Amino acid sequence: MIRLRFDIWEFGNHKFKIETHDLSGEITMDAISGNVEVRGVGNASAVSHLVFSVSNLRFNNPGLVNFVLFIDDKEINSIPLYIRKS
């Protein structure tokens, strides 16, 4: 789950995309993409949640994979996932 906060001037429809990149910059799985509608009710900001599940995710080698979030084609943030050999 991803929790996003939008200011009042950002209310409306936004495209999102989540990509995964390994240390060499290669994309490691198909991107997750869609739209999020942001609405506020008399507030200066609003929160939207992106909830999804990923099935059958496999990584061939240990290392680092970054999950990168794009909103309206702009990179917003990333978070690392460390893959260790079992």
PDB file of N, CA and C in Angstrom:
ATOM      1  N   MET A   1       0.841  -1.168   0.000  1.00  0.00           N
ATOM      2  CA  MET A   1       0.000   0.000   0.000  1.00  0.00           C
ATOM      3  C   MET A   1       0.895   1.243   0.000  1.00  0.00           C
ATOM      4  N   ILE A   2       0.487   2.221  -0.769  1.00  0.00           N
ATOM      5  CA  ILE A   2       1.181   3.503  -0.828  1.00  0.00           C
ATOM      6  C   ILE A   2       0.188   4.581  -0.441  1.00  0.00           C
ATOM      7  N   ARG A   3       0.582   5.441   0.484  1.00  0.00           N
ATOM      8  CA  ARG A   3      -0.267   6.543   0.914  1.00  0.00           C
ATOM      9  C   ARG A   3       0.307   7.838   0.351  1.00  0.00           C
ATOM     10  N   LEU A   4      -0.523   8.578  -0.382  1.00  0.00           N
ATOM     11  CA  LEU A   4      -0.097   9.820  -1.022  1.00  0.00           C
ATOM     12  C   LEU A   4      -0.910  10.990  -0.482  1.00  0.00           C
ATOM     13  N   ARG A   5      -0.256  12.094  -0.207  1.00  0.00           N
ATOM     14  CA  ARG A   5      -0.956  13.311   0.200  1.00  0.00           C
ATOM     15  C   ARG A   5      -0.829  14.344  -0.904  1.00  0.00           C
ATOM     16  N   PHE A   6      -1.947  14.950  -1.261  1.00  0.00           N
ATOM     17  CA  PHE A   6      -2.015  15.966  -2.301  1.00  0.00           C
ATOM     18  C   PHE A   6      -2.521  17.274  -1.712  1.00  0.00           C
ATOM     19  N   ASP A   7      -1.923  18.389  -2.138  1.00  0.00           N
ATOM     20  CA  ASP A   7      -2.400  19.706  -1.745  1.00  0.00           C
ATOM     21  C   ASP A   7      -3.608  20.096  -2.591  1.00  0.00           C
ATOM     22  N   ILE A   8      -4.340  21.117  -2.138  1.00  0.00           N
ATOM     23  CA  ILE A   8      -5.599  21.507  -2.770  1.00  0.00           C
ATOM     24  C   ILE A   8      -5.445  21.793  -4.264  1.00  0.00           C
ATOM     25  N   TRP A   9      -4.336  22.380  -4.673  1.00  0.00           N
ATOM     26  CA  TRP A   9      -4.149  22.704  -6.094  1.00  0.00           C
ATOM     27  C   TRP A   9      -3.821  21.468  -6.933  1.00  0.00           C
ATOM     28  N   GLU A  10      -3.631  20.316  -6.279  1.00  0.00           N
ATOM     29  CA  GLU A  10      -3.343  19.073  -6.996  1.00  0.00           C
ATOM     30  C   GLU A  10      -4.563  18.160  -7.110  1.00  0.00           C
ATOM     31  N   PHE A  11      -5.728  18.596  -6.605  1.00  0.00           N
ATOM     32  CA  PHE A  11      -6.923  17.768  -6.686  1.00  0.00           C
ATOM     33  C   PHE A  11      -7.260  17.504  -8.142  1.00  0.00           C
ATOM     34  N   GLY A  12      -7.792  16.330  -8.425  1.00  0.00           N
ATOM     35  CA  GLY A  12      -8.140  15.941  -9.785  1.00  0.00           C
ATOM     36  C   GLY A  12      -7.586  14.564 -10.099  1.00  0.00           C
ATOM     37  N   ASN A  13      -7.514  14.228 -11.377  1.00  0.00           N
ATOM     38  CA  ASN A  13      -7.062  12.928 -11.834  1.00  0.00           C
ATOM     39  C   ASN A  13      -5.555  12.952 -12.108  1.00  0.00           C
ATOM     40  N   HIS A  14      -4.851  11.927 -11.641  1.00  0.00           N
ATOM     41  CA  HIS A  14      -3.400  11.824 -11.844  1.00  0.00           C
ATOM     42  C   HIS A  14      -3.052  10.410 -12.302  1.00  0.00           C
ATOM     43  N   LYS A  15      -2.079  10.308 -13.212  1.00  0.00           N
ATOM     44  CA  LYS A  15      -1.542   9.016 -13.626  1.00  0.00           C
ATOM     45  C   LYS A  15      -0.460   8.609 -12.629  1.00  0.00           C
ATOM     46  N   PHE A  16      -0.399   7.310 -12.330  1.00  0.00           N
ATOM     47  CA  PHE A  16       0.715   6.813 -11.527  1.00  0.00           C
ATOM     48  C   PHE A  16       1.333   5.613 -12.228  1.00  0.00           C
ATOM     49  N   LYS A  17       2.601   5.379 -11.916  1.00  0.00           N
ATOM     50  CA  LYS A  17       3.325   4.221 -12.440  1.00  0.00           C
ATOM     51  C   LYS A  17       4.357   3.820 -11.401  1.00  0.00           C
ATOM     52  N   ILE A  18       4.513   2.518 -11.211  1.00  0.00           N
ATOM     53  CA  ILE A  18       5.529   1.975 -10.312  1.00  0.00           C
ATOM     54  C   ILE A  18       6.413   1.058 -11.135  1.00  0.00           C
ATOM     55  N   GLU A  19       7.705   1.353 -11.157  1.00  0.00           N
ATOM     56  CA  GLU A  19       8.683   0.535 -11.859  1.00  0.00           C
ATOM     57  C   GLU A  19       9.657  -0.049 -10.849  1.00  0.00           C
ATOM     58  N   THR A  20      10.287  -1.143 -11.220  1.00  0.00           N
ATOM     59  CA  THR A  20      11.354  -1.724 -10.406  1.00  0.00           C
ATOM     60  C   THR A  20      12.639  -1.708 -11.221  1.00  0.00           C
ATOM     61  N   HIS A  21      13.703  -1.232 -10.608  1.00  0.00           N
ATOM     62  CA  HIS A  21      15.013  -1.134 -11.265  1.00  0.00           C
ATOM     63  C   HIS A  21      16.052  -1.830 -10.403  1.00  0.00           C
ATOM     64  N   ASP A  22      16.926  -2.613 -11.047  1.00  0.00           N
ATOM     65  CA  ASP A  22      18.055  -3.174 -10.315  1.00  0.00           C
ATOM     66  C   ASP A  22      19.205  -2.161 -10.310  1.00  0.00           C
ATOM     67  N   LEU A  23      20.341  -2.552  -9.748  1.00  0.00           N
ATOM     68  CA  LEU A  23      21.464  -1.608  -9.616  1.00  0.00           C
ATOM     69  C   LEU A  23      22.030  -1.152 -10.951  1.00  0.00           C
ATOM     70  N   SER A  24      21.838  -1.951 -11.989  1.00  0.00           N
ATOM     71  CA  SER A  24      22.336  -1.551 -13.310  1.00  0.00           C
ATOM     72  C   SER A  24      21.332  -0.669 -14.047  1.00  0.00           C
ATOM     73  N   GLY A  25      20.167  -0.433 -13.443  1.00  0.00           N
ATOM     74  CA  GLY A  25      19.154   0.404 -14.079  1.00  0.00           C
ATOM     75  C   GLY A  25      18.144  -0.366 -14.902  1.00  0.00           C
ATOM     76  N   GLU A  26      18.327  -1.686 -15.000  1.00  0.00           N
ATOM     77  CA  GLU A  26      17.400  -2.515 -15.773  1.00  0.00           C
ATOM     78  C   GLU A  26      16.070  -2.640 -15.037  1.00  0.00           C
ATOM     79  N   ILE A  27      14.978  -2.611 -15.804  1.00  0.00           N
ATOM     80  CA  ILE A  27      13.651  -2.813 -15.230  1.00  0.00           C
ATOM     81  C   ILE A  27      13.471  -4.305 -14.987  1.00  0.00           C
ATOM     82  N   THR A  28      13.075  -4.686 -13.756  1.00  0.00           N
ATOM     83  CA  THR A  28      13.043  -6.094 -13.369  1.00  0.00           C
ATOM     84  C   THR A  28      11.660  -6.732 -13.454  1.00  0.00           C
ATOM     85  N   MET A  29      10.596  -5.952 -13.641  1.00  0.00           N
ATOM     86  CA  MET A  29       9.253  -6.507 -13.840  1.00  0.00           C
ATOM     87  C   MET A  29       8.411  -5.484 -14.592  1.00  0.00           C
ATOM     88  N   ASP A  30       7.284  -5.924 -15.108  1.00  0.00           N
ATOM     89  CA  ASP A  30       6.385  -5.001 -15.804  1.00  0.00           C
ATOM     90  C   ASP A  30       5.910  -3.919 -14.840  1.00  0.00           C
ATOM     91  N   ALA A  31       5.778  -2.716 -15.348  1.00  0.00           N
ATOM     92  CA  ALA A  31       5.329  -1.589 -14.522  1.00  0.00           C
ATOM     93  C   ALA A  31       3.875  -1.784 -14.108  1.00  0.00           C
ATOM     94  N   ILE A  32       3.551  -1.271 -12.942  1.00  0.00           N
ATOM     95  CA  ILE A  32       2.171  -1.196 -12.459  1.00  0.00           C
ATOM     96  C   ILE A  32       1.726   0.234 -12.718  1.00  0.00           C
ATOM     97  N   SER A  33       0.606   0.414 -13.410  1.00  0.00           N
ATOM     98  CA  SER A  33       0.184   1.777 -13.725  1.00  0.00           C
ATOM     99  C   SER A  33      -1.328   1.893 -13.633  1.00  0.00           C
ATOM    100  N   GLY A  34      -1.772   3.141 -13.525  1.00  0.00           N
ATOM    101  CA  GLY A  34      -3.197   3.408 -13.442  1.00  0.00           C
ATOM    102  C   GLY A  34      -3.449   4.877 -13.189  1.00  0.00           C
ATOM    103  N   ASN A  35      -4.645   5.173 -12.729  1.00  0.00           N
ATOM    104  CA  ASN A  35      -5.038   6.539 -12.410  1.00  0.00           C
ATOM    105  C   ASN A  35      -5.546   6.598 -10.978  1.00  0.00           C
ATOM    106  N   VAL A  36      -5.367   7.746 -10.368  1.00  0.00           N
ATOM    107  CA  VAL A  36      -5.902   7.987  -9.032  1.00  0.00           C
ATOM    108  C   VAL A  36      -6.660   9.316  -9.068  1.00  0.00           C
ATOM    109  N   GLU A  37      -7.882   9.309  -8.553  1.00  0.00           N
ATOM    110  CA  GLU A  37      -8.711  10.511  -8.480  1.00  0.00           C
ATOM    111  C   GLU A  37      -8.578  11.090  -7.073  1.00  0.00           C
ATOM    112  N   VAL A  38      -8.130  12.331  -6.988  1.00  0.00           N
ATOM    113  CA  VAL A  38      -7.909  12.986  -5.693  1.00  0.00           C
ATOM    114  C   VAL A  38      -9.027  13.998  -5.473  1.00  0.00           C
ATOM    115  N   ARG A  39      -9.750  13.816  -4.373  1.00  0.00           N
ATOM    116  CA  ARG A  39     -10.846  14.723  -4.030  1.00  0.00           C
ATOM    117  C   ARG A  39     -10.679  15.176  -2.596  1.00  0.00           C
ATOM    118  N   GLY A  40     -10.974  16.431  -2.363  1.00  0.00           N
ATOM    119  CA  GLY A  40     -10.938  16.967  -1.010  1.00  0.00           C
ATOM    120  C   GLY A  40     -12.306  17.479  -0.628  1.00  0.00           C
ATOM    121  N   VAL A  41     -12.606  17.419   0.653  1.00  0.00           N
ATOM    122  CA  VAL A  41     -13.896  17.893   1.145  1.00  0.00           C
ATOM    123  C   VAL A  41     -13.620  19.017   2.142  1.00  0.00           C
ATOM    124  N   GLY A  42     -13.466  20.226   1.614  1.00  0.00           N
ATOM    125  CA  GLY A  42     -13.259  21.383   2.478  1.00  0.00           C
ATOM    126  C   GLY A  42     -11.925  21.433   3.186  1.00  0.00           C
ATOM    127  N   ASN A  43     -10.958  20.675   2.709  1.00  0.00           N
ATOM    128  CA  ASN A  43      -9.646  20.648   3.346  1.00  0.00           C
ATOM    129  C   ASN A  43      -8.586  21.202   2.399  1.00  0.00           C
ATOM    130  N   ALA A  44      -7.450  21.546   2.965  1.00  0.00           N
ATOM    131  CA  ALA A  44      -6.341  22.063   2.159  1.00  0.00           C
ATOM    132  C   ALA A  44      -5.523  20.945   1.530  1.00  0.00           C
ATOM    133  N   SER A  45      -5.760  19.694   1.946  1.00  0.00           N
ATOM    134  CA  SER A  45      -5.057  18.560   1.359  1.00  0.00           C
ATOM    135  C   SER A  45      -5.948  17.330   1.451  1.00  0.00           C
ATOM    136  N   ALA A  46      -5.569  16.302   0.707  1.00  0.00           N
ATOM    137  CA  ALA A  46      -6.309  15.041   0.711  1.00  0.00           C
ATOM    138  C   ALA A  46      -5.329  13.883   0.600  1.00  0.00           C
ATOM    139  N   VAL A  47      -5.740  12.736   1.102  1.00  0.00           N
ATOM    140  CA  VAL A  47      -4.920  11.531   1.057  1.00  0.00           C
ATOM    141  C   VAL A  47      -5.576  10.529   0.123  1.00  0.00           C
ATOM    142  N   SER A  48      -4.757   9.890  -0.713  1.00  0.00           N
ATOM    143  CA  SER A  48      -5.206   8.796  -1.565  1.00  0.00           C
ATOM    144  C   SER A  48      -4.313   7.597  -1.296  1.00  0.00           C
ATOM    145  N   HIS A  49      -4.895   6.412  -1.394  1.00  0.00           N
ATOM    146  CA  HIS A  49      -4.150   5.179  -1.177  1.00  0.00           C
ATOM    147  C   HIS A  49      -4.102   4.378  -2.474  1.00  0.00           C
ATOM    148  N   LEU A  50      -2.943   3.846  -2.772  1.00  0.00           N
ATOM    149  CA  LEU A  50      -2.769   2.903  -3.868  1.00  0.00           C
ATOM    150  C   LEU A  50      -2.559   1.536  -3.229  1.00  0.00           C
ATOM    151  N   VAL A  51      -3.480   0.626  -3.471  1.00  0.00           N
ATOM    152  CA  VAL A  51      -3.405  -0.703  -2.873  1.00  0.00           C
ATOM    153  C   VAL A  51      -3.404  -1.723  -4.010  1.00  0.00           C
ATOM    154  N   PHE A  52      -2.433  -2.607  -4.000  1.00  0.00           N
ATOM    155  CA  PHE A  52      -2.323  -3.622  -5.038  1.00  0.00           C
ATOM    156  C   PHE A  52      -1.529  -4.788  -4.507  1.00  0.00           C
ATOM    157  N   SER A  53      -1.604  -5.901  -5.195  1.00  0.00           N
ATOM    158  CA  SER A  53      -0.783  -7.062  -4.843  1.00  0.00           C
ATOM    159  C   SER A  53      -0.025  -7.515  -6.079  1.00  0.00           C
ATOM    160  N   VAL A  54       1.129  -8.084  -5.851  1.00  0.00           N
ATOM    161  CA  VAL A  54       1.977  -8.588  -6.929  1.00  0.00           C
ATOM    162  C   VAL A  54       2.141 -10.085  -6.696  1.00  0.00           C
ATOM    163  N   SER A  55       1.773 -10.890  -7.685  1.00  0.00           N
ATOM    164  CA  SER A  55       1.859 -12.344  -7.566  1.00  0.00           C
ATOM    165  C   SER A  55       3.037 -12.869  -8.375  1.00  0.00           C
ATOM    166  N   ASN A  56       3.564 -13.976  -7.925  1.00  0.00           N
ATOM    167  CA  ASN A  56       4.631 -14.699  -8.642  1.00  0.00           C
ATOM    168  C   ASN A  56       5.839 -13.818  -8.937  1.00  0.00           C
ATOM    169  N   LEU A  57       6.196 -12.975  -8.010  1.00  0.00           N
ATOM    170  CA  LEU A  57       7.366 -12.112  -8.178  1.00  0.00           C
ATOM    171  C   LEU A  57       8.622 -12.921  -7.845  1.00  0.00           C
ATOM    172  N   ARG A  58       9.530 -13.000  -8.803  1.00  0.00           N
ATOM    173  CA  ARG A  58      10.763 -13.768  -8.617  1.00  0.00           C
ATOM    174  C   ARG A  58      11.955 -12.892  -8.994  1.00  0.00           C
ATOM    175  N   PHE A  59      13.025 -13.065  -8.245  1.00  0.00           N
ATOM    176  CA  PHE A  59      14.274 -12.374  -8.541  1.00  0.00           C
ATOM    177  C   PHE A  59      15.336 -13.440  -8.741  1.00  0.00           C
ATOM    178  N   ASN A  60      16.058 -13.350  -9.852  1.00  0.00           N
ATOM    179  CA  ASN A  60      17.037 -14.381 -10.204  1.00  0.00           C
ATOM    180  C   ASN A  60      18.305 -14.301  -9.383  1.00  0.00           C
ATOM    181  N   ASN A  61      18.685 -13.109  -8.959  1.00  0.00           N
ATOM    182  CA  ASN A  61      19.953 -12.941  -8.262  1.00  0.00           C
ATOM    183  C   ASN A  61      19.761 -12.082  -7.018  1.00  0.00           C
ATOM    184  N   PRO A  62      20.598 -12.303  -6.013  1.00  0.00           N
ATOM    185  CA  PRO A  62      20.558 -11.394  -4.864  1.00  0.00           C
ATOM    186  C   PRO A  62      21.014 -10.005  -5.277  1.00  0.00           C
ATOM    187  N   GLY A  63      20.630  -9.027  -4.528  1.00  0.00           N
ATOM    188  CA  GLY A  63      21.024  -7.649  -4.825  1.00  0.00           C
ATOM    189  C   GLY A  63      19.969  -6.679  -4.366  1.00  0.00           C
ATOM    190  N   LEU A  64      19.948  -5.530  -4.990  1.00  0.00           N
ATOM    191  CA  LEU A  64      19.042  -4.455  -4.616  1.00  0.00           C
ATOM    192  C   LEU A  64      18.079  -4.175  -5.761  1.00  0.00           C
ATOM    193  N   VAL A  65      16.812  -4.018  -5.435  1.00  0.00           N
ATOM    194  CA  VAL A  65      15.796  -3.623  -6.404  1.00  0.00           C
ATOM    195  C   VAL A  65      15.105  -2.382  -5.836  1.00  0.00           C
ATOM    196  N   ASN A  66      15.026  -1.333  -6.630  1.00  0.00           N
ATOM    197  CA  ASN A  66      14.334  -0.114  -6.218  1.00  0.00           C
ATOM    198  C   ASN A  66      12.945  -0.081  -6.825  1.00  0.00           C
ATOM    199  N   PHE A  67      11.947   0.159  -5.988  1.00  0.00           N
ATOM    200  CA  PHE A  67      10.589   0.408  -6.453  1.00  0.00           C
ATOM    201  C   PHE A  67      10.461   1.920  -6.597  1.00  0.00           C
ATOM    202  N   VAL A  68      10.184   2.381  -7.816  1.00  0.00           N
ATOM    203  CA  VAL A  68      10.182   3.813  -8.130  1.00  0.00           C
ATOM    204  C   VAL A  68       8.755   4.235  -8.477  1.00  0.00           C
ATOM    205  N   LEU A  69       8.272   5.287  -7.795  1.00  0.00           N
ATOM    206  CA  LEU A  69       6.927   5.805  -8.003  1.00  0.00           C
ATOM    207  C   LEU A  69       6.971   7.053  -8.868  1.00  0.00           C
ATOM    208  N   PHE A  70       6.159   7.056  -9.922  1.00  0.00           N
ATOM    209  CA  PHE A  70       5.999   8.208 -10.791  1.00  0.00           C
ATOM    210  C   PHE A  70       4.551   8.694 -10.687  1.00  0.00           C
ATOM    211  N   ILE A  71       4.357   9.989 -10.556  1.00  0.00           N
ATOM    212  CA  ILE A  71       3.039  10.611 -10.624  1.00  0.00           C
ATOM    213  C   ILE A  71       3.098  11.601 -11.780  1.00  0.00           C
ATOM    214  N   ASP A  72       2.157  11.459 -12.722  1.00  0.00           N
ATOM    215  CA  ASP A  72       2.121  12.321 -13.908  1.00  0.00           C
ATOM    216  C   ASP A  72       3.485  12.382 -14.600  1.00  0.00           C
ATOM    217  N   ASP A  73       4.119  11.205 -14.744  1.00  0.00           N
ATOM    218  CA  ASP A  73       5.405  11.037 -15.431  1.00  0.00           C
ATOM    219  C   ASP A  73       6.585  11.701 -14.732  1.00  0.00           C
ATOM    220  N   LYS A  74       6.422  12.107 -13.471  1.00  0.00           N
ATOM    221  CA  LYS A  74       7.537  12.657 -12.689  1.00  0.00           C
ATOM    222  C   LYS A  74       7.886  11.682 -11.575  1.00  0.00           C
ATOM    223  N   GLU A  75       9.185  11.385 -11.430  1.00  0.00           N
ATOM    224  CA  GLU A  75       9.614  10.503 -10.353  1.00  0.00           C
ATOM    225  C   GLU A  75       9.395  11.202  -9.016  1.00  0.00           C
ATOM    226  N   ILE A  76       8.636  10.562  -8.148  1.00  0.00           N
ATOM    227  CA  ILE A  76       8.286  11.152  -6.857  1.00  0.00           C
ATOM    228  C   ILE A  76       9.167  10.599  -5.739  1.00  0.00           C
ATOM    229  N   ASN A  77       9.338   9.272  -5.728  1.00  0.00           N
ATOM    230  CA  ASN A  77      10.085   8.663  -4.636  1.00  0.00           C
ATOM    231  C   ASN A  77      10.465   7.240  -5.027  1.00  0.00           C
ATOM    232  N   SER A  78      11.360   6.646  -4.251  1.00  0.00           N
ATOM    233  CA  SER A  78      11.705   5.236  -4.442  1.00  0.00           C
ATOM    234  C   SER A  78      12.007   4.617  -3.090  1.00  0.00           C
ATOM    235  N   ILE A  79      11.886   3.305  -3.047  1.00  0.00           N
ATOM    236  CA  ILE A  79      12.206   2.570  -1.826  1.00  0.00           C
ATOM    237  C   ILE A  79      12.946   1.297  -2.233  1.00  0.00           C
ATOM    238  N   PRO A  80      14.027   0.947  -1.518  1.00  0.00           N
ATOM    239  CA  PRO A  80      14.804  -0.230  -1.901  1.00  0.00           C
ATOM    240  C   PRO A  80      14.227  -1.517  -1.304  1.00  0.00           C
ATOM    241  N   LEU A  81      14.436  -2.605  -2.029  1.00  0.00           N
ATOM    242  CA  LEU A  81      14.168  -3.950  -1.534  1.00  0.00           C
ATOM    243  C   LEU A  81      15.461  -4.724  -1.688  1.00  0.00           C
ATOM    244  N   TYR A  82      15.972  -5.254  -0.586  1.00  0.00           N
ATOM    245  CA  TYR A  82      17.229  -5.997  -0.609  1.00  0.00           C
ATOM    246  C   TYR A  82      16.927  -7.478  -0.768  1.00  0.00           C
ATOM    247  N   ILE A  83      17.425  -8.091  -1.841  1.00  0.00           N
ATOM    248  CA  ILE A  83      17.227  -9.504  -2.122  1.00  0.00           C
ATOM    249  C   ILE A  83      18.459 -10.248  -1.630  1.00  0.00           C
ATOM    250  N   ARG A  84      18.249 -11.197  -0.750  1.00  0.00           N
ATOM    251  CA  ARG A  84      19.357 -11.964  -0.186  1.00  0.00           C
ATOM    252  C   ARG A  84      19.219 -13.426  -0.622  1.00  0.00           C
ATOM    253  N   LYS A  85      20.349 -14.091  -0.768  1.00  0.00           N
ATOM    254  CA  LYS A  85      20.354 -15.497  -1.124  1.00  0.00           C
ATOM    255  C   LYS A  85      19.917 -16.311   0.098  1.00  0.00           C
ATOM    256  N   SER A  86      19.001 -17.250  -0.134  1.00  0.00           N
ATOM    257  CA  SER A  86      18.515 -18.062   1.005  1.00  0.00           C
ATOM    258  C   SER A  86      19.350 -19.296   1.185  1.00  0.00           C
TER     259      SER A  86
END
